[in-house]
Amino acid sequence: MSRRHTPTRPRRAPLVMAGGALLLFALLLPPAVLAKAGEDKYAAYAHYEEQLYQAKSCLHDARGEERCASARLSVPRFPGAKWLDALLTQKATDAPPKHADFAADYQAFVDGLAQLGEQKEGDESLYGDEFVGEMKFGGRYGDFLQFSYFVWTYGGGAAHGGGGIKNFLLNLDTRAPVPLEEILVAPQKRAALDDLQRNAYRDWLVEHEVTSSDRKEQDEFLAEWFTPNDNWKIVKGGLTFDYGHYEAGYYAIGMPEIRVPKALLRGIVKPEILRLIP
């Protein structure tokens, strides 16, 4: 199953050339050719298709009740960028791809997850696991592509499932994810960014009525639960840091999404990254 998407792209600045023959050559070229020259670098990422892979297995327990295990994974596929498909396959399945078209890797992954657990001695029920994975393309920001991988799992017999999100920004030149350290003005700026995360989380706790506005109460909660992470992504007006279940609090508070405004990131994050933030 697939759906085709055409990402929107920001308006590009006009091409400017100067100096003798180069200027003359540019003036002689049709506008369409000049535009195409600037866009060819990104042509492979202009279209993608969402592919869905599913698996399910069911058995009947000692009482005759059906128990099932299931797995579902959706991923974007980029027909014009095989290297990107290979990288996303490894990110989604946590293993290097073994097949040329990658579809077999994805299907083998969900097939392996959709297996029923063994029936425990003295228990009349079979235990089945559930897995949901969604790899989302967040768009292109200059020479970078942004992705978020959401995973929700449930272990058979557990009280509830749990989820998490892993974000990564790919550099099109190096074809590798950009670690948080690389976007900082200097390594020692990490402490300042961690403080911004803590302050943003205080606001989140009050907004979601997890704590009151009392500073001492917030300090106690942060001391018990919160450690700043490097799971960042670009959003409108700033950077967001995502946390999964139990990563920043007890299960009931969900998966906090902490936003740090662009204005507060000046002097901490490199200007070339800040310019990417819409």
C-alpha atoms as a PDB file:
ATOM      1  CA  MET A   1       0.000   0.000   0.000  1.00  0.00           C
ATOM      2  CA  SER A   2       1.456   3.366  -0.909  1.00  0.00           C
ATOM      3  CA  ARG A   3       0.595   7.048  -1.113  1.00  0.00           C
ATOM      4  CA  ARG A   4       2.547   9.520  -3.234  1.00  0.00           C
ATOM      5  CA  HIS A   5       3.610  12.850  -1.778  1.00  0.00           C
ATOM      6  CA  THR A   6       5.185  15.968  -3.221  1.00  0.00           C
ATOM      7  CA  PRO A   7       6.767  18.014  -0.404  1.00  0.00           C
ATOM      8  CA  THR A   8       6.444  21.768  -0.590  1.00  0.00           C
ATOM      9  CA  ARG A   9       9.722  23.625  -0.937  1.00  0.00           C
ATOM     10  CA  PRO A  10      10.671  27.129   0.115  1.00  0.00           C
ATOM     11  CA  ARG A  11      11.098  29.780  -2.552  1.00  0.00           C
ATOM     12  CA  ARG A  12      14.705  29.902  -3.717  1.00  0.00           C
ATOM     13  CA  ALA A  13      16.721  33.070  -4.172  1.00  0.00           C
ATOM     14  CA  PRO A  14      17.458  34.066  -7.785  1.00  0.00           C
ATOM     15  CA  LEU A  15      20.748  32.893  -9.248  1.00  0.00           C
ATOM     16  CA  VAL A  16      23.263  35.737  -9.503  1.00  0.00           C
ATOM     17  CA  MET A  17      26.480  35.500 -11.545  1.00  0.00           C
ATOM     18  CA  ALA A  18      29.092  38.140 -12.253  1.00  0.00           C
ATOM     19  CA  GLY A  19      32.288  38.565 -14.231  1.00  0.00           C
ATOM     20  CA  GLY A  20      32.914  38.626 -17.984  1.00  0.00           C
ATOM     21  CA  ALA A  21      32.112  35.442 -19.849  1.00  0.00           C
ATOM     22  CA  LEU A  22      30.291  33.889 -16.903  1.00  0.00           C
ATOM     23  CA  LEU A  23      27.826  36.748 -16.803  1.00  0.00           C
ATOM     24  CA  LEU A  24      27.321  36.614 -20.584  1.00  0.00           C
ATOM     25  CA  PHE A  25      26.804  32.851 -20.441  1.00  0.00           C
ATOM     26  CA  ALA A  26      24.225  33.223 -17.691  1.00  0.00           C
ATOM     27  CA  LEU A  27      22.349  35.896 -19.628  1.00  0.00           C
ATOM     28  CA  LEU A  28      22.153  33.621 -22.672  1.00  0.00           C
ATOM     29  CA  LEU A  29      20.730  30.694 -20.732  1.00  0.00           C
ATOM     30  CA  PRO A  30      16.922  30.381 -20.642  1.00  0.00           C
ATOM     31  CA  PRO A  31      15.412  31.032 -17.176  1.00  0.00           C
ATOM     32  CA  ALA A  32      14.092  27.469 -17.038  1.00  0.00           C
ATOM     33  CA  VAL A  33      17.625  26.085 -17.415  1.00  0.00           C
ATOM     34  CA  LEU A  34      18.956  28.293 -14.639  1.00  0.00           C
ATOM     35  CA  ALA A  35      16.125  27.235 -12.330  1.00  0.00           C
ATOM     36  CA  LYS A  36      16.676  23.558 -13.113  1.00  0.00           C
ATOM     37  CA  ALA A  37      20.392  23.827 -12.328  1.00  0.00           C
ATOM     38  CA  GLY A  38      19.569  24.937  -8.798  1.00  0.00           C
ATOM     39  CA  GLU A  39      16.920  22.270  -8.267  1.00  0.00           C
ATOM     40  CA  ASP A  40      18.683  19.159  -9.665  1.00  0.00           C
ATOM     41  CA  LYS A  41      20.476  18.602  -6.383  1.00  0.00           C
ATOM     42  CA  TYR A  42      17.148  18.102  -4.644  1.00  0.00           C
ATOM     43  CA  ALA A  43      15.191  16.383  -7.420  1.00  0.00           C
ATOM     44  CA  ALA A  44      15.573  12.928  -5.852  1.00  0.00           C
ATOM     45  CA  TYR A  45      13.795  14.140  -2.707  1.00  0.00           C
ATOM     46  CA  ALA A  46      10.922  15.954  -4.406  1.00  0.00           C
ATOM     47  CA  HIS A  47       8.622  12.902  -4.396  1.00  0.00           C
ATOM     48  CA  TYR A  48       8.183   9.970  -2.072  1.00  0.00           C
ATOM     49  CA  GLU A  49       5.683   7.203  -1.409  1.00  0.00           C
ATOM     50  CA  GLU A  50       4.432   5.955   1.945  1.00  0.00           C
ATOM     51  CA  GLN A  51       4.702   2.179   2.126  1.00  0.00           C
ATOM     52  CA  LEU A  52       2.885   0.056   4.699  1.00  0.00           C
ATOM     53  CA  TYR A  53       4.086  -3.365   5.873  1.00  0.00           C
ATOM     54  CA  GLN A  54       1.938  -5.536   8.144  1.00  0.00           C
ATOM     55  CA  ALA A  55       1.940  -8.965   9.759  1.00  0.00           C
ATOM     56  CA  LYS A  56      -0.318 -10.804  12.174  1.00  0.00           C
ATOM     57  CA  SER A  57      -0.454 -14.258  13.734  1.00  0.00           C
ATOM     58  CA  CYS A  58      -3.217 -15.759  15.869  1.00  0.00           C
ATOM     59  CA  LEU A  59      -3.774 -18.867  17.980  1.00  0.00           C
ATOM     60  CA  HIS A  60      -6.444 -20.066  20.402  1.00  0.00           C
ATOM     61  CA  ASP A  61      -5.669 -20.437  24.073  1.00  0.00           C
ATOM     62  CA  ALA A  62      -6.815 -23.220  26.409  1.00  0.00           C
ATOM     63  CA  ARG A  63     -10.198 -21.523  26.795  1.00  0.00           C
ATOM     64  CA  GLY A  64     -10.707 -21.327  23.055  1.00  0.00           C
ATOM     65  CA  GLU A  65     -10.202 -17.551  22.925  1.00  0.00           C
ATOM     66  CA  GLU A  66      -8.230 -16.104  20.049  1.00  0.00           C
ATOM     67  CA  ARG A  67      -4.958 -14.338  20.911  1.00  0.00           C
ATOM     68  CA  CYS A  68      -3.021 -12.403  18.300  1.00  0.00           C
ATOM     69  CA  ALA A  69       0.340 -10.711  17.813  1.00  0.00           C
ATOM     70  CA  SER A  70       0.656  -7.965  15.229  1.00  0.00           C
ATOM     71  CA  ALA A  71       3.138  -5.540  13.724  1.00  0.00           C
ATOM     72  CA  ARG A  72       2.615  -2.557  11.444  1.00  0.00           C
ATOM     73  CA  LEU A  73       5.292  -0.333   9.958  1.00  0.00           C
ATOM     74  CA  SER A  74       4.904   2.631   7.598  1.00  0.00           C
ATOM     75  CA  VAL A  75       7.907   4.249   5.938  1.00  0.00           C
ATOM     76  CA  PRO A  76       8.552   6.816   3.194  1.00  0.00           C
ATOM     77  CA  ARG A  77      10.252   5.425   0.077  1.00  0.00           C
ATOM     78  CA  PHE A  78      12.256   7.711  -2.204  1.00  0.00           C
ATOM     79  CA  PRO A  79      12.483   6.118  -5.690  1.00  0.00           C
ATOM     80  CA  GLY A  80      15.195   8.540  -6.801  1.00  0.00           C
ATOM     81  CA  ALA A  81      17.498   8.121  -3.784  1.00  0.00           C
ATOM     82  CA  LYS A  82      18.518   4.528  -3.160  1.00  0.00           C
ATOM     83  CA  TRP A  83      21.086   5.543  -0.532  1.00  0.00           C
ATOM     84  CA  LEU A  84      18.318   7.219   1.467  1.00  0.00           C
ATOM     85  CA  ASP A  85      16.043   4.182   1.233  1.00  0.00           C
ATOM     86  CA  ALA A  86      18.930   2.031   2.514  1.00  0.00           C
ATOM     87  CA  LEU A  87      19.570   4.365   5.443  1.00  0.00           C
ATOM     88  CA  LEU A  88      15.877   4.552   6.400  1.00  0.00           C
ATOM     89  CA  THR A  89      15.639   0.759   6.221  1.00  0.00           C
ATOM     90  CA  GLN A  90      18.475   0.426   8.712  1.00  0.00           C
ATOM     91  CA  LYS A  91      16.967   3.100  10.968  1.00  0.00           C
ATOM     92  CA  ALA A  92      13.535   1.440  10.971  1.00  0.00           C
ATOM     93  CA  THR A  93      14.631  -2.192  11.346  1.00  0.00           C
ATOM     94  CA  ASP A  94      17.828  -1.620  13.352  1.00  0.00           C
ATOM     95  CA  ALA A  95      19.764  -3.822  10.917  1.00  0.00           C
ATOM     96  CA  PRO A  96      21.622  -3.320   7.609  1.00  0.00           C
ATOM     97  CA  PRO A  97      19.406  -4.101   4.595  1.00  0.00           C
ATOM     98  CA  LYS A  98      19.956  -7.441   2.882  1.00  0.00           C
ATOM     99  CA  HIS A  99      17.765  -7.042  -0.215  1.00  0.00           C
ATOM    100  CA  ALA A 100      18.076  -4.776  -3.234  1.00  0.00           C
ATOM    101  CA  ASP A 101      14.605  -3.234  -3.064  1.00  0.00           C
ATOM    102  CA  PHE A 102      14.393  -3.170   0.784  1.00  0.00           C
ATOM    103  CA  ALA A 103      10.721  -4.262   0.774  1.00  0.00           C
ATOM    104  CA  ALA A 104      11.748  -7.786   1.783  1.00  0.00           C
ATOM    105  CA  ASP A 105      13.747  -6.346   4.708  1.00  0.00           C
ATOM    106  CA  TYR A 106      10.733  -4.451   5.984  1.00  0.00           C
ATOM    107  CA  GLN A 107       8.423  -7.445   5.612  1.00  0.00           C
ATOM    108  CA  ALA A 108      10.864  -9.774   7.366  1.00  0.00           C
ATOM    109  CA  PHE A 109      11.086  -7.244  10.187  1.00  0.00           C
ATOM    110  CA  VAL A 110       7.325  -7.110  10.836  1.00  0.00           C
ATOM    111  CA  ASP A 111       6.989 -10.883  10.341  1.00  0.00           C
ATOM    112  CA  GLY A 112       9.549 -11.418  13.086  1.00  0.00           C
ATOM    113  CA  LEU A 113       7.698  -9.095  15.459  1.00  0.00           C
ATOM    114  CA  ALA A 114       4.266 -10.630  14.868  1.00  0.00           C
ATOM    115  CA  GLN A 115       4.985 -13.813  16.804  1.00  0.00           C
ATOM    116  CA  LEU A 116       3.003 -15.074  19.761  1.00  0.00           C
ATOM    117  CA  GLY A 117       4.776 -15.472  23.066  1.00  0.00           C
ATOM    118  CA  GLU A 118       4.763 -18.839  24.755  1.00  0.00           C
ATOM    119  CA  GLN A 119       1.896 -19.715  27.018  1.00  0.00           C
ATOM    120  CA  LYS A 120       3.025 -19.509  30.630  1.00  0.00           C
ATOM    121  CA  GLU A 121       2.627 -22.533  32.873  1.00  0.00           C
ATOM    122  CA  GLY A 122      -0.567 -22.376  34.876  1.00  0.00           C
ATOM    123  CA  ASP A 123      -1.941 -19.574  32.722  1.00  0.00           C
ATOM    124  CA  GLU A 124      -4.728 -20.200  30.244  1.00  0.00           C
ATOM    125  CA  SER A 125      -3.911 -17.231  28.019  1.00  0.00           C
ATOM    126  CA  LEU A 126      -1.428 -16.809  25.199  1.00  0.00           C
ATOM    127  CA  TYR A 127       0.578 -13.612  25.191  1.00  0.00           C
ATOM    128  CA  GLY A 128       0.921 -11.598  21.997  1.00  0.00           C
ATOM    129  CA  ASP A 129       2.979  -8.515  21.327  1.00  0.00           C
ATOM    130  CA  GLU A 130       1.933  -5.455  19.342  1.00  0.00           C
ATOM    131  CA  PHE A 131       4.234  -3.142  17.418  1.00  0.00           C
ATOM    132  CA  VAL A 132       3.470   0.069  15.533  1.00  0.00           C
ATOM    133  CA  GLY A 133       6.222   1.983  13.743  1.00  0.00           C
ATOM    134  CA  GLU A 134       5.827   5.166  11.714  1.00  0.00           C
ATOM    135  CA  MET A 135       8.724   6.819   9.941  1.00  0.00           C
ATOM    136  CA  LYS A 136       7.684  10.357   8.964  1.00  0.00           C
ATOM    137  CA  PHE A 137       9.404  12.717   6.534  1.00  0.00           C
ATOM    138  CA  GLY A 138       9.439  16.194   8.058  1.00  0.00           C
ATOM    139  CA  GLY A 139      10.576  18.014   4.932  1.00  0.00           C
ATOM    140  CA  ARG A 140      13.724  19.551   3.501  1.00  0.00           C
ATOM    141  CA  TYR A 141      15.505  22.432   5.219  1.00  0.00           C
ATOM    142  CA  GLY A 142      18.193  23.704   2.858  1.00  0.00           C
ATOM    143  CA  ASP A 143      20.712  20.865   2.475  1.00  0.00           C
ATOM    144  CA  PHE A 144      19.092  18.773   5.200  1.00  0.00           C
ATOM    145  CA  LEU A 145      16.219  16.271   5.366  1.00  0.00           C
ATOM    146  CA  GLN A 146      14.294  15.797   8.598  1.00  0.00           C
ATOM    147  CA  PHE A 147      12.728  12.539   9.800  1.00  0.00           C
ATOM    148  CA  SER A 148      10.931  11.333  12.930  1.00  0.00           C
ATOM    149  CA  TYR A 149      10.498   7.662  13.821  1.00  0.00           C
ATOM    150  CA  PHE A 150       7.610   6.916  16.179  1.00  0.00           C
ATOM    151  CA  VAL A 151       7.440   3.497  17.806  1.00  0.00           C
ATOM    152  CA  TRP A 152       4.747   2.088  20.069  1.00  0.00           C
ATOM    153  CA  THR A 153       5.052  -1.388  21.571  1.00  0.00           C
ATOM    154  CA  TYR A 154       2.999  -3.576  23.845  1.00  0.00           C
ATOM    155  CA  GLY A 155       4.388  -6.687  25.489  1.00  0.00           C
ATOM    156  CA  GLY A 156       1.758  -9.359  25.984  1.00  0.00           C
ATOM    157  CA  GLY A 157       0.530  -9.445  29.567  1.00  0.00           C
ATOM    158  CA  ALA A 158       1.775  -5.950  30.415  1.00  0.00           C
ATOM    159  CA  ALA A 159      -0.505  -3.339  31.980  1.00  0.00           C
ATOM    160  CA  HIS A 160      -0.055  -1.007  29.011  1.00  0.00           C
ATOM    161  CA  GLY A 161       2.124  -0.280  26.015  1.00  0.00           C
ATOM    162  CA  GLY A 162       4.685   2.464  25.605  1.00  0.00           C
ATOM    163  CA  GLY A 163       5.910   4.766  22.879  1.00  0.00           C
ATOM    164  CA  GLY A 164       8.767   6.973  21.865  1.00  0.00           C
ATOM    165  CA  ILE A 165      10.030   9.168  19.020  1.00  0.00           C
ATOM    166  CA  LYS A 166      13.523   9.385  17.560  1.00  0.00           C
ATOM    167  CA  ASN A 167      14.305  12.439  15.425  1.00  0.00           C
ATOM    168  CA  PHE A 168      17.200  12.842  13.028  1.00  0.00           C
ATOM    169  CA  LEU A 169      18.313  15.480  10.542  1.00  0.00           C
ATOM    170  CA  LEU A 170      20.241  14.137   7.534  1.00  0.00           C
ATOM    171  CA  ASN A 171      22.997  16.164   5.912  1.00  0.00           C
ATOM    172  CA  LEU A 172      22.688  15.695   2.133  1.00  0.00           C
ATOM    173  CA  ASP A 173      26.403  16.322   1.630  1.00  0.00           C
ATOM    174  CA  THR A 174      27.659  13.770   4.160  1.00  0.00           C
ATOM    175  CA  ARG A 175      24.544  11.533   3.942  1.00  0.00           C
ATOM    176  CA  ALA A 176      24.688  11.141   7.713  1.00  0.00           C
ATOM    177  CA  PRO A 177      22.574  12.289  10.671  1.00  0.00           C
ATOM    178  CA  VAL A 178      23.627  15.540  12.334  1.00  0.00           C
ATOM    179  CA  PRO A 179      24.349  15.065  16.065  1.00  0.00           C
ATOM    180  CA  LEU A 180      23.347  17.789  18.487  1.00  0.00           C
ATOM    181  CA  GLU A 181      26.988  18.660  19.181  1.00  0.00           C
ATOM    182  CA  GLU A 182      27.496  19.693  15.541  1.00  0.00           C
ATOM    183  CA  ILE A 183      24.843  22.401  15.616  1.00  0.00           C
ATOM    184  CA  LEU A 184      26.259  24.129  18.704  1.00  0.00           C
ATOM    185  CA  VAL A 185      28.468  27.211  18.470  1.00  0.00           C
ATOM    186  CA  ALA A 186      30.897  25.526  20.879  1.00  0.00           C
ATOM    187  CA  PRO A 187      30.834  22.258  22.916  1.00  0.00           C
ATOM    188  CA  GLN A 188      30.522  24.158  26.202  1.00  0.00           C
ATOM    189  CA  LYS A 189      27.212  25.605  24.983  1.00  0.00           C
ATOM    190  CA  ARG A 190      25.560  22.256  25.708  1.00  0.00           C
ATOM    191  CA  ALA A 191      25.094  23.267  29.353  1.00  0.00           C
ATOM    192  CA  ALA A 192      23.224  26.418  28.313  1.00  0.00           C
ATOM    193  CA  LEU A 193      21.000  24.405  25.978  1.00  0.00           C
ATOM    194  CA  ASP A 194      20.286  21.898  28.756  1.00  0.00           C
ATOM    195  CA  ASP A 195      19.186  24.796  30.978  1.00  0.00           C
ATOM    196  CA  LEU A 196      16.831  25.997  28.239  1.00  0.00           C
ATOM    197  CA  GLN A 197      15.324  22.508  28.066  1.00  0.00           C
ATOM    198  CA  ARG A 198      14.801  22.444  31.833  1.00  0.00           C
ATOM    199  CA  ASN A 199      13.096  25.833  31.807  1.00  0.00           C
ATOM    200  CA  ALA A 200      10.906  24.828  28.866  1.00  0.00           C
ATOM    201  CA  TYR A 201       9.973  21.640  30.695  1.00  0.00           C
ATOM    202  CA  ARG A 202       8.950  23.630  33.758  1.00  0.00           C
ATOM    203  CA  ASP A 203       6.505  25.525  31.537  1.00  0.00           C
ATOM    204  CA  TRP A 204       5.271  22.238  30.069  1.00  0.00           C
ATOM    205  CA  LEU A 205       4.630  20.763  33.512  1.00  0.00           C
ATOM    206  CA  VAL A 206       2.534  23.757  34.572  1.00  0.00           C
ATOM    207  CA  GLU A 207       0.672  23.940  31.246  1.00  0.00           C
ATOM    208  CA  HIS A 208      -0.271  20.254  31.477  1.00  0.00           C
ATOM    209  CA  GLU A 209      -1.081  20.515  35.193  1.00  0.00           C
ATOM    210  CA  VAL A 210       1.525  17.960  36.200  1.00  0.00           C
ATOM    211  CA  THR A 211       2.905  20.351  38.824  1.00  0.00           C
ATOM    212  CA  SER A 212       1.922  23.745  40.137  1.00  0.00           C
ATOM    213  CA  SER A 213       3.956  26.874  39.453  1.00  0.00           C
ATOM    214  CA  ASP A 214       5.771  26.340  42.762  1.00  0.00           C
ATOM    215  CA  ARG A 215       9.489  26.245  42.006  1.00  0.00           C
ATOM    216  CA  LYS A 216      10.318  23.772  44.762  1.00  0.00           C
ATOM    217  CA  GLU A 217       7.709  21.306  43.528  1.00  0.00           C
ATOM    218  CA  GLN A 218       9.113  21.592  40.006  1.00  0.00           C
ATOM    219  CA  ASP A 219      12.674  21.110  41.258  1.00  0.00           C
ATOM    220  CA  GLU A 220      11.679  17.891  43.014  1.00  0.00           C
ATOM    221  CA  PHE A 221       9.943  16.563  39.912  1.00  0.00           C
ATOM    222  CA  LEU A 222      12.893  17.416  37.654  1.00  0.00           C
ATOM    223  CA  ALA A 223      15.376  15.873  40.066  1.00  0.00           C
ATOM    224  CA  GLU A 224      13.439  12.607  40.037  1.00  0.00           C
ATOM    225  CA  TRP A 225      12.492  12.373  36.371  1.00  0.00           C
ATOM    226  CA  PHE A 226      14.179  14.763  33.989  1.00  0.00           C
ATOM    227  CA  THR A 227      17.476  14.594  32.107  1.00  0.00           C
ATOM    228  CA  PRO A 228      17.905  16.848  29.027  1.00  0.00           C
ATOM    229  CA  ASN A 229      18.287  14.825  25.842  1.00  0.00           C
ATOM    230  CA  ASP A 230      19.608  15.305  22.307  1.00  0.00           C
ATOM    231  CA  ASN A 231      16.444  14.175  20.500  1.00  0.00           C
ATOM    232  CA  TRP A 232      15.839  17.426  18.618  1.00  0.00           C
ATOM    233  CA  LYS A 233      14.022  18.506  15.491  1.00  0.00           C
ATOM    234  CA  ILE A 234      13.342  21.755  13.660  1.00  0.00           C
ATOM    235  CA  VAL A 235       9.844  23.207  14.089  1.00  0.00           C
ATOM    236  CA  LYS A 236       8.263  26.536  13.314  1.00  0.00           C
ATOM    237  CA  GLY A 237       9.803  29.133  15.610  1.00  0.00           C
ATOM    238  CA  GLY A 238      12.448  26.973  17.280  1.00  0.00           C
ATOM    239  CA  LEU A 239      13.654  23.477  18.165  1.00  0.00           C
ATOM    240  CA  THR A 240      11.623  20.750  19.825  1.00  0.00           C
ATOM    241  CA  PHE A 241      13.007  17.990  22.057  1.00  0.00           C
ATOM    242  CA  ASP A 242      10.890  14.826  22.213  1.00  0.00           C
ATOM    243  CA  TYR A 243      10.616  12.407  25.140  1.00  0.00           C
ATOM    244  CA  GLY A 244       9.014   8.965  25.227  1.00  0.00           C
ATOM    245  CA  HIS A 245       7.012   7.329  27.978  1.00  0.00           C
ATOM    246  CA  TYR A 246       8.924   7.244  31.291  1.00  0.00           C
ATOM    247  CA  GLU A 247      11.776   9.346  29.841  1.00  0.00           C
ATOM    248  CA  ALA A 248      10.648  12.555  31.531  1.00  0.00           C
ATOM    249  CA  GLY A 249       7.967  11.476  33.983  1.00  0.00           C
ATOM    250  CA  TYR A 250       5.531   8.762  34.960  1.00  0.00           C
ATOM    251  CA  TYR A 251       3.483   7.004  32.279  1.00  0.00           C
ATOM    252  CA  ALA A 252       0.287   9.049  32.613  1.00  0.00           C
ATOM    253  CA  ILE A 253       1.896  12.328  31.494  1.00  0.00           C
ATOM    254  CA  GLY A 254       2.493  10.829  28.069  1.00  0.00           C
ATOM    255  CA  MET A 255       5.320  11.815  25.752  1.00  0.00           C
ATOM    256  CA  PRO A 256       6.404  15.411  26.432  1.00  0.00           C
ATOM    257  CA  GLU A 257       7.348  17.631  23.504  1.00  0.00           C
ATOM    258  CA  ILE A 258       9.485  20.507  24.763  1.00  0.00           C
ATOM    259  CA  ARG A 259       9.895  23.557  22.542  1.00  0.00           C
ATOM    260  CA  VAL A 260      12.785  26.017  22.846  1.00  0.00           C
ATOM    261  CA  PRO A 261      12.136  29.294  20.945  1.00  0.00           C
ATOM    262  CA  LYS A 262      14.549  30.411  18.228  1.00  0.00           C
ATOM    263  CA  ALA A 263      15.231  33.733  19.972  1.00  0.00           C
ATOM    264  CA  LEU A 264      16.684  31.932  23.006  1.00  0.00           C
ATOM    265  CA  LEU A 265      18.967  29.788  20.849  1.00  0.00           C
ATOM    266  CA  ARG A 266      21.031  32.666  19.479  1.00  0.00           C
ATOM    267  CA  GLY A 267      24.612  32.409  20.687  1.00  0.00           C
ATOM    268  CA  ILE A 268      24.096  28.703  21.437  1.00  0.00           C
ATOM    269  CA  VAL A 269      23.129  27.178  18.091  1.00  0.00           C
ATOM    270  CA  LYS A 270      25.101  27.970  14.938  1.00  0.00           C
ATOM    271  CA  PRO A 271      23.655  30.777  12.764  1.00  0.00           C
ATOM    272  CA  GLU A 272      23.459  28.501   9.708  1.00  0.00           C
ATOM    273  CA  ILE A 273      21.125  26.184  11.621  1.00  0.00           C
ATOM    274  CA  LEU A 274      19.048  29.036  13.031  1.00  0.00           C
ATOM    275  CA  ARG A 275      18.512  30.281   9.459  1.00  0.00           C
ATOM    276  CA  LEU A 276      16.823  26.954   8.653  1.00  0.00           C
ATOM    277  CA  ILE A 277      14.152  27.483  11.323  1.00  0.00           C
ATOM    278  CA  PRO A 278      10.960  28.855   9.749  1.00  0.00           C
END
